[in-house]
Amino acid sequence: MARVFTQGNATSMGLPGRKSIEIASQALGTDQVTLRYVEIPVAQPGDQPRKPHRHDGFEEVIHVLEGSGCTDADSGSHPLAAGDTIVLPSGEWHATRNTGPTTLKLLCFFPVGDIAVRTSNG
């Protein structure tokens, strides 16, 4: 049965330095999918960048809705602009940062219902 998930029912992830909400996940009623909406503000002097993290056993797909940024990963630095999509393989350490003059807005997709149990932080 089709289901509609709204931002109004999304769960805040409480990640420092960004807005991150989980729109769809196992906790919200999916079987094998997690979708997050993320906003990364323009960096200010003294801001600490997010530490890298990785996902074991599944890929992450990040689609840029607005703004520009860079995903720093084991495989190198990958500049991103609105309309770009990056696929990060299982186990690759990575972190995405805002490199532009406006808020970076992303959709992050994971092909599992619960990413927390297989995500490691650096």
N, C-alpha and C. Protein backbone atom coordinates (compact mmCIF):
# COMPACT_ATOMS: atom_id res chain seq x y z
N MET A 1 0.84 -1.18 0.00
CA MET A 1 0.00 0.00 0.00
C MET A 1 0.89 1.25 0.00
N ALA A 2 0.59 2.18 -0.84
CA ALA A 2 1.32 3.44 -0.90
C ALA A 2 1.10 4.23 0.38
N ARG A 3 2.14 4.95 0.78
CA ARG A 3 2.06 5.79 1.97
C ARG A 3 2.66 7.15 1.67
N VAL A 4 2.12 8.19 2.26
CA VAL A 4 2.65 9.54 2.11
C VAL A 4 3.32 9.93 3.42
N PHE A 5 4.57 10.41 3.32
CA PHE A 5 5.32 10.89 4.47
C PHE A 5 5.47 12.39 4.31
N THR A 6 5.15 13.16 5.34
CA THR A 6 5.22 14.61 5.26
C THR A 6 6.34 15.14 6.15
N GLN A 7 6.89 16.30 5.77
CA GLN A 7 7.92 16.91 6.61
C GLN A 7 7.39 17.23 8.00
N GLY A 8 6.11 17.50 8.09
CA GLY A 8 5.52 17.80 9.39
C GLY A 8 5.61 16.65 10.37
N ASN A 9 5.69 15.43 9.86
CA ASN A 9 5.80 14.25 10.72
C ASN A 9 7.24 13.73 10.81
N ALA A 10 8.17 14.44 10.18
CA ALA A 10 9.57 14.00 10.17
C ALA A 10 10.19 14.16 11.56
N THR A 11 11.26 13.40 11.79
CA THR A 11 11.97 13.42 13.06
C THR A 11 13.27 14.18 12.92
N SER A 12 13.50 15.16 13.80
CA SER A 12 14.77 15.90 13.79
C SER A 12 15.87 14.97 14.28
N MET A 13 17.00 15.00 13.56
CA MET A 13 18.13 14.15 13.93
C MET A 13 19.03 14.82 14.96
N GLY A 14 18.88 16.11 15.17
CA GLY A 14 19.66 16.82 16.18
C GLY A 14 21.16 16.84 15.91
N LEU A 15 21.55 16.80 14.64
CA LEU A 15 22.97 16.82 14.30
C LEU A 15 23.51 18.24 14.45
N PRO A 16 24.70 18.40 15.02
CA PRO A 16 25.25 19.74 15.22
C PRO A 16 25.61 20.42 13.90
N GLY A 17 25.35 21.72 13.83
CA GLY A 17 25.76 22.52 12.68
C GLY A 17 24.92 22.36 11.44
N ARG A 18 23.78 21.72 11.55
CA ARG A 18 22.93 21.52 10.37
C ARG A 18 21.51 21.16 10.81
N LYS A 19 20.59 21.36 9.89
CA LYS A 19 19.24 20.86 10.08
C LYS A 19 19.17 19.53 9.35
N SER A 20 18.77 18.49 10.04
CA SER A 20 18.65 17.17 9.43
C SER A 20 17.39 16.52 9.96
N ILE A 21 16.47 16.19 9.04
CA ILE A 21 15.24 15.54 9.46
C ILE A 21 15.07 14.24 8.68
N GLU A 22 14.58 13.23 9.38
CA GLU A 22 14.31 11.94 8.77
C GLU A 22 12.85 11.94 8.35
N ILE A 23 12.62 11.88 7.04
CA ILE A 23 11.27 11.95 6.50
C ILE A 23 10.63 10.58 6.45
N ALA A 24 11.42 9.58 6.04
CA ALA A 24 10.92 8.20 5.95
C ALA A 24 12.01 7.27 6.46
N SER A 25 11.61 6.30 7.27
CA SER A 25 12.55 5.32 7.82
C SER A 25 11.73 4.21 8.46
N GLN A 26 12.45 3.19 8.91
CA GLN A 26 11.79 2.08 9.59
C GLN A 26 11.01 2.58 10.82
N ALA A 27 11.60 3.52 11.55
CA ALA A 27 10.93 4.06 12.73
C ALA A 27 9.63 4.79 12.38
N LEU A 28 9.56 5.26 11.13
CA LEU A 28 8.37 5.99 10.68
C LEU A 28 7.46 5.14 9.79
N GLY A 29 7.83 3.86 9.59
CA GLY A 29 6.93 2.95 8.89
C GLY A 29 7.40 2.35 7.58
N THR A 30 8.67 2.55 7.18
CA THR A 30 9.16 1.91 5.95
C THR A 30 9.76 0.55 6.26
N ASP A 31 10.01 -0.22 5.23
CA ASP A 31 10.67 -1.52 5.41
C ASP A 31 12.16 -1.41 5.10
N GLN A 32 12.50 -0.89 3.92
CA GLN A 32 13.88 -0.94 3.44
C GLN A 32 14.38 0.39 2.89
N VAL A 33 13.91 1.51 3.45
CA VAL A 33 14.28 2.81 2.90
C VAL A 33 14.38 3.84 4.01
N THR A 34 15.40 4.71 3.91
CA THR A 34 15.48 5.89 4.77
C THR A 34 15.71 7.09 3.86
N LEU A 35 14.96 8.17 4.10
CA LEU A 35 15.12 9.41 3.36
C LEU A 35 15.26 10.54 4.36
N ARG A 36 16.32 11.34 4.16
CA ARG A 36 16.55 12.50 5.02
C ARG A 36 16.66 13.76 4.18
N TYR A 37 16.19 14.87 4.76
CA TYR A 37 16.36 16.20 4.19
C TYR A 37 17.37 16.92 5.09
N VAL A 38 18.39 17.52 4.46
CA VAL A 38 19.47 18.15 5.22
C VAL A 38 19.70 19.57 4.71
N GLU A 39 19.88 20.50 5.62
CA GLU A 39 20.31 21.86 5.28
C GLU A 39 21.62 22.14 6.02
N ILE A 40 22.64 22.54 5.27
CA ILE A 40 23.93 22.90 5.85
C ILE A 40 24.13 24.39 5.61
N PRO A 41 24.17 25.19 6.68
CA PRO A 41 24.30 26.64 6.51
C PRO A 41 25.69 27.03 6.01
N VAL A 42 25.81 28.28 5.61
CA VAL A 42 27.11 28.84 5.21
C VAL A 42 28.02 28.80 6.44
N ALA A 43 29.22 28.33 6.24
CA ALA A 43 30.19 28.23 7.35
C ALA A 43 30.54 29.62 7.87
N GLN A 44 30.65 29.72 9.18
CA GLN A 44 31.03 30.96 9.84
C GLN A 44 32.41 30.77 10.47
N PRO A 45 33.16 31.86 10.65
CA PRO A 45 34.47 31.73 11.31
C PRO A 45 34.33 31.01 12.64
N GLY A 46 35.20 30.04 12.88
CA GLY A 46 35.18 29.28 14.12
C GLY A 46 34.33 28.03 14.09
N ASP A 47 33.49 27.87 13.05
CA ASP A 47 32.69 26.65 12.95
C ASP A 47 33.59 25.44 12.77
N GLN A 48 33.26 24.38 13.45
CA GLN A 48 33.98 23.12 13.30
C GLN A 48 33.27 22.27 12.25
N PRO A 49 34.02 21.76 11.25
CA PRO A 49 33.38 20.91 10.25
C PRO A 49 32.91 19.60 10.86
N ARG A 50 31.90 19.01 10.26
CA ARG A 50 31.40 17.72 10.72
C ARG A 50 32.48 16.66 10.50
N LYS A 51 32.63 15.79 11.46
CA LYS A 51 33.60 14.71 11.33
C LYS A 51 33.09 13.68 10.33
N PRO A 52 33.99 13.00 9.63
CA PRO A 52 33.57 11.98 8.67
C PRO A 52 32.83 10.82 9.35
N HIS A 53 32.02 10.15 8.57
CA HIS A 53 31.30 8.97 9.01
C HIS A 53 31.23 7.99 7.85
N ARG A 54 30.81 6.77 8.13
CA ARG A 54 30.65 5.78 7.06
C ARG A 54 29.46 4.88 7.38
N HIS A 55 29.00 4.21 6.35
CA HIS A 55 27.88 3.28 6.47
C HIS A 55 28.35 1.91 6.03
N ASP A 56 28.20 0.93 6.88
CA ASP A 56 28.67 -0.42 6.59
C ASP A 56 27.53 -1.28 6.05
N GLY A 57 27.71 -1.77 4.83
CA GLY A 57 26.74 -2.68 4.25
C GLY A 57 25.71 -2.04 3.35
N PHE A 58 25.80 -0.72 3.13
CA PHE A 58 24.86 -0.07 2.22
C PHE A 58 25.44 1.26 1.71
N GLU A 59 24.96 1.67 0.56
CA GLU A 59 25.38 2.93 -0.06
C GLU A 59 24.55 4.09 0.50
N GLU A 60 25.07 5.30 0.27
CA GLU A 60 24.31 6.53 0.52
C GLU A 60 24.25 7.30 -0.79
N VAL A 61 23.08 7.80 -1.11
CA VAL A 61 22.89 8.64 -2.29
C VAL A 61 22.52 10.04 -1.80
N ILE A 62 23.31 11.04 -2.21
CA ILE A 62 23.05 12.42 -1.82
C ILE A 62 22.72 13.21 -3.09
N HIS A 63 21.56 13.86 -3.10
CA HIS A 63 21.15 14.70 -4.22
C HIS A 63 21.09 16.15 -3.74
N VAL A 64 21.74 17.05 -4.49
CA VAL A 64 21.78 18.47 -4.13
C VAL A 64 20.56 19.17 -4.72
N LEU A 65 19.72 19.70 -3.84
CA LEU A 65 18.54 20.46 -4.27
C LEU A 65 18.89 21.92 -4.57
N GLU A 66 19.67 22.53 -3.67
CA GLU A 66 20.06 23.93 -3.81
C GLU A 66 21.44 24.14 -3.21
N GLY A 67 22.15 25.12 -3.74
CA GLY A 67 23.44 25.50 -3.18
C GLY A 67 24.60 24.73 -3.80
N SER A 68 25.76 24.88 -3.17
CA SER A 68 26.96 24.18 -3.63
C SER A 68 27.74 23.71 -2.41
N GLY A 69 28.45 22.61 -2.60
CA GLY A 69 29.20 22.05 -1.49
C GLY A 69 30.28 21.12 -2.00
N CYS A 70 30.83 20.35 -1.07
CA CYS A 70 31.87 19.39 -1.41
C CYS A 70 31.74 18.21 -0.46
N THR A 71 31.78 17.02 -1.02
CA THR A 71 31.84 15.83 -0.19
C THR A 71 33.29 15.36 -0.19
N ASP A 72 33.90 15.39 0.98
CA ASP A 72 35.26 14.90 1.16
C ASP A 72 35.15 13.44 1.58
N ALA A 73 35.79 12.55 0.80
CA ALA A 73 35.67 11.11 1.02
C ALA A 73 37.03 10.45 0.85
N ASP A 74 37.09 9.19 1.20
CA ASP A 74 38.32 8.42 1.00
C ASP A 74 38.80 8.52 -0.44
N SER A 75 37.87 8.61 -1.37
CA SER A 75 38.21 8.63 -2.80
C SER A 75 38.57 10.02 -3.31
N GLY A 76 38.54 11.05 -2.44
CA GLY A 76 38.90 12.40 -2.85
C GLY A 76 37.83 13.41 -2.49
N SER A 77 38.03 14.64 -2.96
CA SER A 77 37.07 15.71 -2.74
C SER A 77 36.21 15.84 -3.99
N HIS A 78 34.89 15.86 -3.77
CA HIS A 78 33.94 15.86 -4.89
C HIS A 78 33.06 17.11 -4.81
N PRO A 79 33.36 18.14 -5.64
CA PRO A 79 32.52 19.35 -5.66
C PRO A 79 31.11 19.00 -6.13
N LEU A 80 30.12 19.66 -5.53
CA LEU A 80 28.72 19.40 -5.83
C LEU A 80 27.98 20.71 -6.06
N ALA A 81 27.05 20.69 -7.02
CA ALA A 81 26.20 21.84 -7.29
C ALA A 81 24.75 21.37 -7.41
N ALA A 82 23.82 22.31 -7.39
CA ALA A 82 22.40 21.97 -7.51
C ALA A 82 22.18 21.07 -8.72
N GLY A 83 21.45 19.98 -8.50
CA GLY A 83 21.16 19.01 -9.55
C GLY A 83 22.11 17.83 -9.56
N ASP A 84 23.24 17.94 -8.86
CA ASP A 84 24.21 16.83 -8.82
C ASP A 84 23.77 15.77 -7.82
N THR A 85 24.20 14.55 -8.08
CA THR A 85 23.97 13.42 -7.18
C THR A 85 25.29 12.68 -7.01
N ILE A 86 25.63 12.34 -5.78
CA ILE A 86 26.82 11.55 -5.49
C ILE A 86 26.38 10.26 -4.80
N VAL A 87 26.99 9.16 -5.20
CA VAL A 87 26.74 7.87 -4.57
C VAL A 87 28.00 7.46 -3.82
N LEU A 88 27.85 7.25 -2.53
CA LEU A 88 28.98 6.86 -1.68
C LEU A 88 28.87 5.38 -1.37
N PRO A 89 29.93 4.63 -1.70
CA PRO A 89 29.86 3.18 -1.47
C PRO A 89 29.92 2.82 0.00
N SER A 90 29.48 1.64 0.30
CA SER A 90 29.54 1.10 1.65
C SER A 90 30.97 1.17 2.18
N GLY A 91 31.11 1.64 3.41
CA GLY A 91 32.40 1.65 4.08
C GLY A 91 33.29 2.84 3.80
N GLU A 92 32.92 3.72 2.86
CA GLU A 92 33.77 4.87 2.54
C GLU A 92 33.50 6.02 3.52
N TRP A 93 34.56 6.47 4.21
CA TRP A 93 34.46 7.60 5.12
C TRP A 93 34.16 8.85 4.30
N HIS A 94 33.23 9.70 4.79
CA HIS A 94 32.86 10.90 4.04
C HIS A 94 32.20 11.93 4.96
N ALA A 95 32.23 13.18 4.49
CA ALA A 95 31.53 14.28 5.14
C ALA A 95 31.26 15.33 4.06
N THR A 96 30.07 15.91 4.10
CA THR A 96 29.69 16.93 3.12
C THR A 96 29.66 18.28 3.81
N ARG A 97 30.20 19.29 3.13
CA ARG A 97 30.25 20.64 3.68
C ARG A 97 29.74 21.64 2.66
N ASN A 98 29.29 22.77 3.15
CA ASN A 98 28.81 23.87 2.30
C ASN A 98 30.02 24.69 1.84
N THR A 99 30.12 24.93 0.55
CA THR A 99 31.21 25.77 0.03
C THR A 99 30.69 27.03 -0.65
N GLY A 100 29.39 27.25 -0.60
CA GLY A 100 28.80 28.38 -1.31
C GLY A 100 28.31 29.49 -0.41
N PRO A 101 27.69 30.51 -1.02
CA PRO A 101 27.21 31.67 -0.27
C PRO A 101 25.79 31.52 0.29
N THR A 102 25.13 30.38 0.00
CA THR A 102 23.76 30.16 0.48
C THR A 102 23.68 28.78 1.14
N THR A 103 22.58 28.52 1.82
CA THR A 103 22.38 27.24 2.47
C THR A 103 22.42 26.10 1.45
N LEU A 104 23.12 25.04 1.79
CA LEU A 104 23.19 23.83 0.97
C LEU A 104 22.04 22.93 1.39
N LYS A 105 21.18 22.55 0.43
CA LYS A 105 20.01 21.72 0.73
C LYS A 105 20.14 20.40 -0.01
N LEU A 106 19.98 19.30 0.75
CA LEU A 106 20.24 17.96 0.23
C LEU A 106 19.08 17.01 0.54
N LEU A 107 18.92 16.01 -0.32
CA LEU A 107 18.14 14.82 0.00
C LEU A 107 19.12 13.67 0.10
N CYS A 108 19.05 12.90 1.17
CA CYS A 108 19.96 11.77 1.38
C CYS A 108 19.12 10.50 1.46
N PHE A 109 19.45 9.55 0.60
CA PHE A 109 18.70 8.30 0.50
C PHE A 109 19.58 7.12 0.88
N PHE A 110 19.01 6.20 1.64
CA PHE A 110 19.70 4.99 2.07
C PHE A 110 18.78 3.80 1.81
N PRO A 111 19.29 2.71 1.23
CA PRO A 111 18.43 1.57 0.91
C PRO A 111 18.24 0.60 2.08
N VAL A 112 18.13 1.14 3.28
CA VAL A 112 17.85 0.36 4.49
C VAL A 112 16.89 1.16 5.38
N GLY A 113 16.12 0.47 6.18
CA GLY A 113 15.15 1.15 7.03
C GLY A 113 15.73 1.82 8.25
N ASP A 114 16.88 1.32 8.75
CA ASP A 114 17.50 1.88 9.95
C ASP A 114 19.01 2.00 9.70
N ILE A 115 19.50 3.22 9.52
CA ILE A 115 20.92 3.39 9.22
C ILE A 115 21.79 3.46 10.46
N ALA A 116 21.20 3.77 11.61
CA ALA A 116 21.99 4.02 12.82
C ALA A 116 22.83 2.82 13.24
N VAL A 117 22.29 1.62 13.11
CA VAL A 117 23.00 0.45 13.61
C VAL A 117 24.25 0.12 12.80
N ARG A 118 24.35 0.66 11.58
CA ARG A 118 25.52 0.37 10.75
C ARG A 118 26.21 1.63 10.26
N THR A 119 26.16 2.70 11.09
CA THR A 119 26.87 3.94 10.77
C THR A 119 27.92 4.19 11.84
N SER A 120 29.15 4.46 11.39
CA SER A 120 30.26 4.73 12.31
C SER A 120 30.69 6.18 12.15
N ASN A 121 30.93 6.84 13.26
CA ASN A 121 31.41 8.22 13.25
C ASN A 121 32.91 8.27 13.53
N GLY A 122 33.58 9.20 12.83
CA GLY A 122 35.03 9.34 12.99
C GLY A 122 35.42 10.18 14.16
